[in-house]
Protein backbone atom coordinates (compact mmCIF):
# COMPACT_ATOMS: atom_id res chain seq x y z
CA MET A 1 20.48 -31.47 -33.51
CA ALA A 2 19.03 -28.99 -31.06
CA LYS A 3 20.43 -28.66 -27.58
CA PRO A 4 18.12 -29.69 -24.74
CA GLU A 5 17.10 -26.78 -22.55
CA ALA A 6 18.92 -26.51 -19.27
CA LYS A 7 16.87 -26.98 -16.13
CA LYS A 8 16.12 -23.74 -14.35
CA SER A 9 16.98 -23.82 -10.69
CA ALA A 10 14.65 -22.43 -8.05
CA PRO A 11 15.26 -18.80 -7.17
CA ALA A 12 17.33 -18.21 -4.07
CA GLN A 13 15.27 -17.62 -0.94
CA LYS A 14 15.49 -14.15 0.51
CA LYS A 15 16.54 -13.96 4.11
CA GLY A 16 14.09 -11.83 6.05
CA LYS A 17 14.45 -9.99 9.28
CA VAL A 18 13.81 -12.32 12.21
CA MET A 19 12.97 -11.02 15.66
CA SER A 20 14.84 -12.94 18.33
CA VAL A 21 12.69 -13.93 21.28
CA TYR A 22 15.42 -13.22 23.81
CA LYS A 23 15.25 -9.50 22.91
CA LEU A 24 11.64 -9.32 24.17
CA TYR A 25 12.50 -10.35 27.74
CA SER A 26 14.90 -9.22 30.44
CA THR A 27 15.72 -10.53 33.89
CA GLN A 28 15.49 -8.27 36.92
CA GLY A 29 16.45 -9.79 40.27
CA GLY A 30 15.71 -13.34 39.17
CA LYS A 31 12.33 -12.43 37.66
CA LEU A 32 11.45 -12.46 34.00
CA GLU A 33 10.24 -9.11 32.69
CA ARG A 34 8.59 -8.41 29.34
CA LYS A 35 9.96 -5.43 27.44
CA ASN A 36 7.18 -4.86 24.87
CA PRO A 37 3.51 -4.43 25.76
CA THR A 38 1.13 -7.33 25.18
CA CYS A 39 -2.02 -7.16 23.08
CA PRO A 40 -5.17 -6.51 25.14
CA LYS A 41 -7.30 -8.58 22.72
CA CYS A 42 -4.99 -11.57 22.26
CA GLY A 43 -3.70 -11.69 25.84
CA ASP A 44 -0.36 -12.69 27.29
CA GLY A 45 2.23 -14.13 24.95
CA VAL A 46 1.36 -11.93 21.96
CA PHE A 47 3.51 -8.84 21.83
CA MET A 48 2.67 -5.57 20.14
CA ALA A 49 5.15 -3.97 17.76
CA VAL A 50 6.28 -0.55 18.97
CA HIS A 51 6.51 2.05 16.20
CA LYS A 52 7.25 5.76 16.38
CA ASP A 53 3.59 6.82 16.43
CA ARG A 54 1.66 3.65 17.31
CA LYS A 55 1.66 0.16 18.82
CA SER A 56 0.23 -2.66 16.73
CA CYS A 57 -0.49 -6.37 17.12
CA GLY A 58 0.74 -8.58 14.29
CA LYS A 59 -1.74 -11.33 15.06
CA CYS A 60 -5.13 -9.57 15.23
CA GLY A 61 -4.28 -6.12 13.82
CA PHE A 62 -5.25 -4.15 16.95
CA THR A 63 -3.58 -0.71 16.90
CA GLU A 64 -3.14 1.91 19.60
CA PHE A 65 -2.32 5.35 18.29
CA GLY A 66 -0.49 7.96 20.27
CA GLY A 67 3.08 8.59 21.02
CA LYS A 68 5.59 11.31 20.69
CA LYS A 69 4.33 14.35 18.85
CA LYS A 70 6.77 16.77 17.29
């Protein structure tokens, strides 16, 4: 008699890097202040990612080049 094949379990999910929302804001004198710039196309509430040589929007793909030159 042949052995029945064992069921294969689903592969383990990889844990990705998650940006915490509280890191994008700070409080100054009782007012809420945004740390990262917002996207000019998408408007308020959509932050741009700040890289070494550019700023980019993850929602619409808008990119502003310029930054520190070596």
